[in-house]
Amino acid sequence: MTETLDQDTDRRRRLAQFLRTRRERLTPADADLDVGSSRRRTPGLRREEVANLSGLSPTWYVWLEQGRDVSASPKALARLAEALRLAPAERAYLFDLAGKRDPAGPTRQEKPPPADLLAMLQAISEPAYLLDRIWNACGWNRAAAELFTGWLGAAEPNLLRYVFLDPAAQAFIVGWGGRARRLVAEFRADTARRAEDADIARLVDDLRRQSPAFARFWADQTVLAREGGERIFHHPMDAELKYRQLTLQPVGAPEHKLVVLLEAIPAAATHGN
């Protein structure tokens, strides 16, 4: 209980510090305020000015900056983010600190992978691919294309649609049941903060309708972090291939995931003689 209280206090303290620094960096001109030629002792905007711009009570805003135990509604936080001219990453950080979900949700415009990230894919000799926010493959190298012919050759190369809707996937992925169950748990964890995203909701609804297995796994409510580990595939040309999967989140493109499969070894060679 004490640990929880300490965590809440620390979160409120960090929220207070963040709001204060964001307020102090803004000038009246940034906020389209006409203050004439009056001299100002306070750096940036005054607390009362931020409160007025946000349509909030000055007292309530002061309490936020003091780290008091007050609750902010998502709509109030959204107005505060606009008043402070927060960038998308800053806005997300504000809502994370407040423990609230942004009513605006994520941007609906999918950003293409950065060119240098796509170039790096081609420089990797092992199979490697990029996933976007709903796990569509949005880039891959030649080794990945040769390995995942059924998935990456599809018109809509969504990883979950391939695993659950393509009958060939069950023969291709060794241990399909366990891998498929884990993928659903990982996808739930990965998209929890974007539950109101229309594209995610549409994908989940489609899969629940078309795949009894997905519907069953989704109903389990299991949540797991995306991890690496052993992956074995039964390739029609190369028999069984074993890989060690590594998943990375590029700093400059946090909405993407870079997945690399290392050290391909024929699975039969690992069974010993």
Protein backbone atom coordinates (compact mmCIF):
# COMPACT_ATOMS: atom_id res chain seq x y z
CA MET A 1 0.00 0.00 0.00
CA THR A 2 2.81 2.39 0.93
CA GLU A 3 4.58 1.59 -2.35
CA THR A 4 1.45 2.48 -4.34
CA LEU A 5 1.12 5.80 -2.51
CA ASP A 6 4.79 6.58 -3.18
CA GLN A 7 4.31 5.84 -6.88
CA ASP A 8 1.26 8.10 -7.05
CA THR A 9 3.16 10.89 -5.31
CA ASP A 10 6.08 10.52 -7.71
CA ARG A 11 3.73 10.56 -10.72
CA ARG A 12 2.05 13.76 -9.51
CA ARG A 13 5.46 15.33 -8.88
CA ARG A 14 6.64 14.51 -12.40
CA LEU A 15 3.37 15.82 -13.86
CA ALA A 16 3.78 19.07 -11.91
CA GLN A 17 7.36 19.51 -13.13
CA PHE A 18 6.38 18.80 -16.72
CA LEU A 19 3.52 21.31 -16.69
CA ARG A 20 5.69 23.99 -15.12
CA THR A 21 8.51 23.61 -17.65
CA ARG A 22 6.09 23.56 -20.59
CA ARG A 23 4.35 26.70 -19.27
CA GLU A 24 7.62 28.55 -18.70
CA ARG A 25 8.89 27.93 -22.22
CA LEU A 26 5.85 29.63 -23.83
CA THR A 27 5.75 33.36 -24.43
CA PRO A 28 2.53 35.40 -24.62
CA ALA A 29 3.18 35.75 -28.36
CA ASP A 30 3.32 31.94 -28.69
CA ALA A 31 -0.13 31.78 -27.10
CA ASP A 32 -1.49 34.72 -29.14
CA LEU A 33 -1.87 36.84 -26.00
CA ASP A 34 -1.66 40.62 -26.21
CA VAL A 35 -0.01 41.86 -23.00
CA GLY A 36 1.15 45.18 -24.39
CA SER A 37 4.44 46.50 -23.11
CA SER A 38 3.99 45.44 -19.49
CA ARG A 39 7.04 43.99 -17.80
CA ARG A 40 6.77 40.37 -16.65
CA ARG A 41 8.64 38.80 -13.78
CA THR A 42 7.42 35.29 -14.50
CA PRO A 43 9.23 33.39 -17.31
CA GLY A 44 6.82 32.25 -19.95
CA LEU A 45 3.10 32.29 -19.29
CA ARG A 46 1.51 32.88 -15.91
CA ARG A 47 -0.48 30.07 -14.32
CA GLU A 48 -3.66 32.12 -14.57
CA GLU A 49 -3.07 32.62 -18.29
CA VAL A 50 -2.70 28.88 -18.90
CA ALA A 51 -5.84 28.23 -16.88
CA ASN A 52 -7.80 30.80 -18.88
CA LEU A 53 -6.53 29.46 -22.21
CA SER A 54 -7.56 25.96 -21.12
CA GLY A 55 -10.95 26.98 -19.74
CA LEU A 56 -9.91 25.63 -16.35
CA SER A 57 -10.12 26.95 -12.82
CA PRO A 58 -6.91 28.84 -11.89
CA THR A 59 -6.96 27.21 -8.47
CA TRP A 60 -7.30 23.75 -9.96
CA TYR A 61 -4.39 24.37 -12.34
CA VAL A 62 -2.22 25.71 -9.51
CA TRP A 63 -2.94 22.52 -7.58
CA LEU A 64 -1.77 20.46 -10.56
CA GLU A 65 1.52 22.36 -10.67
CA GLN A 66 1.89 21.85 -6.95
CA GLY A 67 1.56 18.09 -7.31
CA ARG A 68 -1.61 17.87 -5.23
CA ASP A 69 -3.87 14.85 -5.34
CA VAL A 70 -6.41 16.16 -7.86
CA SER A 71 -7.91 14.31 -10.81
CA ALA A 72 -7.97 15.73 -14.32
CA SER A 73 -10.55 14.59 -16.85
CA PRO A 74 -9.39 13.57 -20.35
CA LYS A 75 -11.20 16.59 -21.85
CA ALA A 76 -9.48 18.97 -19.41
CA LEU A 77 -6.10 17.46 -20.22
CA ALA A 78 -6.81 17.82 -23.94
CA ARG A 79 -7.57 21.53 -23.53
CA LEU A 80 -4.44 21.90 -21.41
CA ALA A 81 -2.32 20.18 -24.07
CA GLU A 82 -3.64 22.58 -26.70
CA ALA A 83 -3.05 25.63 -24.51
CA LEU A 84 0.55 24.58 -23.85
CA ARG A 85 1.12 23.86 -27.56
CA LEU A 86 2.34 20.35 -26.80
CA ALA A 87 3.88 18.28 -29.58
CA PRO A 88 2.38 14.79 -30.16
CA ALA A 89 5.02 13.05 -28.05
CA GLU A 90 4.60 15.61 -25.26
CA ARG A 91 0.82 15.23 -25.36
CA ALA A 92 1.13 11.46 -25.06
CA TYR A 93 3.51 11.92 -22.12
CA LEU A 94 1.02 14.25 -20.41
CA PHE A 95 -1.76 11.67 -20.65
CA ASP A 96 0.56 8.89 -19.48
CA LEU A 97 1.56 10.87 -16.39
CA ALA A 98 -2.08 11.66 -15.65
CA GLY A 99 -3.10 8.03 -16.17
CA LYS A 100 -5.79 8.99 -18.69
CA ARG A 101 -6.60 8.06 -22.28
CA ASP A 102 -6.36 10.80 -24.88
CA PRO A 103 -9.89 11.37 -26.27
CA ALA A 104 -8.38 12.39 -29.61
CA GLY A 105 -6.86 8.93 -29.93
CA PRO A 106 -3.88 8.22 -32.18
CA THR A 107 -3.39 9.87 -35.51
CA ARG A 108 -5.26 8.14 -38.30
CA GLN A 109 -2.61 9.02 -40.90
CA GLU A 110 -0.10 6.21 -41.11
CA LYS A 111 3.43 7.51 -41.41
CA PRO A 112 5.60 5.67 -43.93
CA PRO A 113 8.80 4.10 -42.57
CA PRO A 114 11.79 6.48 -42.68
CA ALA A 115 13.96 5.98 -45.74
CA ASP A 116 17.05 5.20 -43.66
CA LEU A 117 15.15 2.48 -41.82
CA LEU A 118 14.14 0.87 -45.10
CA ALA A 119 17.72 1.14 -46.33
CA MET A 120 18.95 -0.57 -43.16
CA LEU A 121 16.55 -3.46 -43.84
CA GLN A 122 18.27 -4.13 -47.14
CA ALA A 123 21.68 -4.09 -45.45
CA ILE A 124 20.68 -6.94 -43.10
CA SER A 125 21.52 -10.36 -44.49
CA GLU A 126 19.16 -12.32 -42.23
CA PRO A 127 15.37 -12.16 -42.69
CA ALA A 128 14.12 -8.80 -41.40
CA TYR A 129 10.86 -6.88 -41.69
CA LEU A 130 9.01 -3.84 -40.32
CA LEU A 131 5.57 -3.85 -38.70
CA ASP A 132 3.35 -0.77 -38.41
CA ARG A 133 0.94 0.05 -35.58
CA ILE A 134 -1.59 -2.62 -36.61
CA TRP A 135 1.09 -5.14 -37.57
CA ASN A 136 0.98 -4.70 -41.30
CA ALA A 137 4.34 -5.49 -42.88
CA CYS A 138 5.44 -2.16 -44.36
CA GLY A 139 8.98 -3.12 -45.36
CA TRP A 140 11.15 -6.22 -45.66
CA ASN A 141 14.36 -7.46 -47.20
CA ARG A 142 14.94 -10.19 -49.78
CA ALA A 143 15.68 -12.87 -47.16
CA ALA A 144 12.33 -12.21 -45.47
CA ALA A 145 10.49 -12.28 -48.80
CA GLU A 146 12.01 -15.68 -49.58
CA LEU A 147 11.07 -17.05 -46.16
CA PHE A 148 7.55 -15.61 -45.81
CA THR A 149 6.25 -16.12 -49.34
CA GLY A 150 2.68 -16.67 -48.18
CA TRP A 151 2.57 -13.62 -45.95
CA LEU A 152 4.73 -10.97 -47.59
CA GLY A 153 3.37 -11.84 -51.00
CA ALA A 154 -0.21 -11.09 -49.92
CA ALA A 155 -2.14 -8.02 -51.09
CA GLU A 156 -2.65 -7.02 -47.43
CA PRO A 157 0.38 -8.37 -45.55
CA ASN A 158 -1.05 -8.15 -42.03
CA LEU A 159 0.68 -10.56 -39.67
CA LEU A 160 -2.46 -11.56 -37.75
CA ARG A 161 -4.57 -11.99 -40.88
CA TYR A 162 -1.89 -14.26 -42.28
CA VAL A 163 -1.49 -16.35 -39.13
CA PHE A 164 -5.22 -16.83 -38.55
CA LEU A 165 -6.81 -16.65 -42.00
CA ASP A 166 -4.28 -18.31 -44.31
CA PRO A 167 -4.58 -22.13 -43.99
CA ALA A 168 -0.97 -22.53 -45.11
CA ALA A 169 0.23 -20.68 -42.00
CA GLN A 170 -0.58 -23.59 -39.71
CA ALA A 171 1.68 -25.90 -41.69
CA PHE A 172 4.39 -23.27 -42.07
CA ILE A 173 4.64 -22.19 -38.41
CA VAL A 174 5.87 -25.07 -36.26
CA GLY A 175 3.91 -25.06 -33.00
CA TRP A 176 1.23 -22.87 -34.55
CA GLY A 177 -1.21 -23.04 -31.63
CA GLY A 178 1.20 -21.70 -29.04
CA ARG A 179 2.63 -19.06 -31.34
CA ALA A 180 -0.82 -17.89 -32.45
CA ARG A 181 -2.07 -17.61 -28.87
CA ARG A 182 1.00 -15.61 -27.88
CA LEU A 183 0.69 -13.28 -30.87
CA VAL A 184 -2.84 -12.35 -29.79
CA ALA A 185 -1.67 -11.64 -26.24
CA GLU A 186 1.21 -9.53 -27.55
CA PHE A 187 -1.08 -7.61 -29.91
CA ARG A 188 -3.49 -6.85 -27.04
CA ALA A 189 -0.63 -5.47 -24.93
CA ASP A 190 0.83 -3.51 -27.85
CA THR A 191 -2.46 -1.80 -28.76
CA ALA A 192 -4.03 -1.35 -25.31
CA ARG A 193 -3.49 2.41 -25.31
CA ARG A 194 -4.95 2.71 -28.80
CA ALA A 195 -8.10 0.70 -28.18
CA GLU A 196 -10.23 3.44 -29.76
CA ASP A 197 -8.24 3.35 -33.00
CA ALA A 198 -10.80 2.52 -35.70
CA ASP A 199 -8.29 0.47 -37.73
CA ILE A 200 -7.42 -1.70 -34.74
CA ALA A 201 -11.07 -2.19 -33.82
CA ARG A 202 -11.90 -3.14 -37.41
CA LEU A 203 -9.03 -5.64 -37.56
CA VAL A 204 -10.03 -7.29 -34.28
CA ASP A 205 -13.70 -7.47 -35.28
CA ASP A 206 -12.83 -9.02 -38.65
CA LEU A 207 -10.58 -11.64 -37.08
CA ARG A 208 -13.08 -12.52 -34.35
CA ARG A 209 -15.72 -13.01 -37.02
CA GLN A 210 -13.58 -15.03 -39.42
CA SER A 211 -11.37 -17.06 -37.08
CA PRO A 212 -12.79 -19.08 -34.17
CA ALA A 213 -9.23 -19.55 -32.88
CA PHE A 214 -8.59 -15.80 -32.77
CA ALA A 215 -11.96 -15.19 -31.11
CA ARG A 216 -11.11 -17.78 -28.44
CA PHE A 217 -7.64 -16.41 -27.78
CA TRP A 218 -8.90 -12.80 -27.71
CA ALA A 219 -11.57 -13.74 -25.18
CA ASP A 220 -8.85 -15.12 -22.88
CA GLN A 221 -7.78 -11.51 -22.12
CA THR A 222 -4.14 -12.65 -21.91
CA VAL A 223 -1.57 -9.84 -22.09
CA LEU A 224 2.11 -10.49 -22.86
CA ALA A 225 5.03 -8.30 -23.86
CA ARG A 226 6.44 -8.95 -27.32
CA GLU A 227 9.58 -11.01 -26.82
CA GLY A 228 12.12 -12.80 -28.91
CA GLY A 229 13.09 -16.43 -28.72
CA GLU A 230 13.11 -19.50 -30.90
CA ARG A 231 11.05 -19.58 -34.08
CA ILE A 232 10.80 -22.68 -36.29
CA PHE A 233 9.25 -22.72 -39.75
CA HIS A 234 8.59 -25.60 -42.11
CA HIS A 235 9.64 -24.11 -45.42
CA PRO A 236 8.52 -26.10 -48.49
CA MET A 237 11.94 -25.67 -50.13
CA ASP A 238 14.30 -25.84 -47.13
CA ALA A 239 12.51 -28.20 -44.71
CA GLU A 240 12.55 -26.93 -41.11
CA LEU A 241 14.43 -23.73 -40.35
CA LYS A 242 15.18 -22.48 -36.86
CA TYR A 243 15.69 -18.82 -36.00
CA ARG A 244 16.26 -16.62 -32.99
CA GLN A 245 13.91 -13.64 -33.18
CA LEU A 246 14.87 -10.14 -32.09
CA THR A 247 12.30 -7.31 -32.02
CA LEU A 248 13.42 -3.67 -31.83
CA GLN A 249 11.54 -0.38 -31.68
CA PRO A 250 13.34 2.31 -33.74
CA VAL A 251 13.80 5.53 -31.77
CA GLY A 252 12.93 7.72 -34.74
CA ALA A 253 9.88 5.67 -35.70
CA PRO A 254 8.21 4.43 -32.46
CA GLU A 255 5.05 3.38 -34.31
CA HIS A 256 7.09 0.71 -36.13
CA LYS A 257 8.76 -2.50 -35.00
CA LEU A 258 11.87 -3.96 -36.59
CA VAL A 259 11.94 -7.76 -36.43
CA VAL A 260 15.12 -9.67 -37.28
CA LEU A 261 15.48 -13.46 -37.45
CA LEU A 262 19.04 -14.48 -36.58
CA GLU A 263 21.12 -17.58 -37.19
CA ALA A 264 18.98 -19.70 -39.49
CA ILE A 265 19.83 -23.34 -38.82
CA PRO A 266 18.10 -26.43 -40.24
CA ALA A 267 16.08 -27.69 -37.29
CA ALA A 268 16.98 -31.31 -38.09
CA ALA A 269 20.64 -30.51 -37.46
CA THR A 270 19.90 -29.61 -33.84
CA HIS A 271 18.33 -32.93 -32.90
CA GLY A 272 21.68 -34.66 -32.32
CA ASN A 273 22.94 -38.05 -33.44
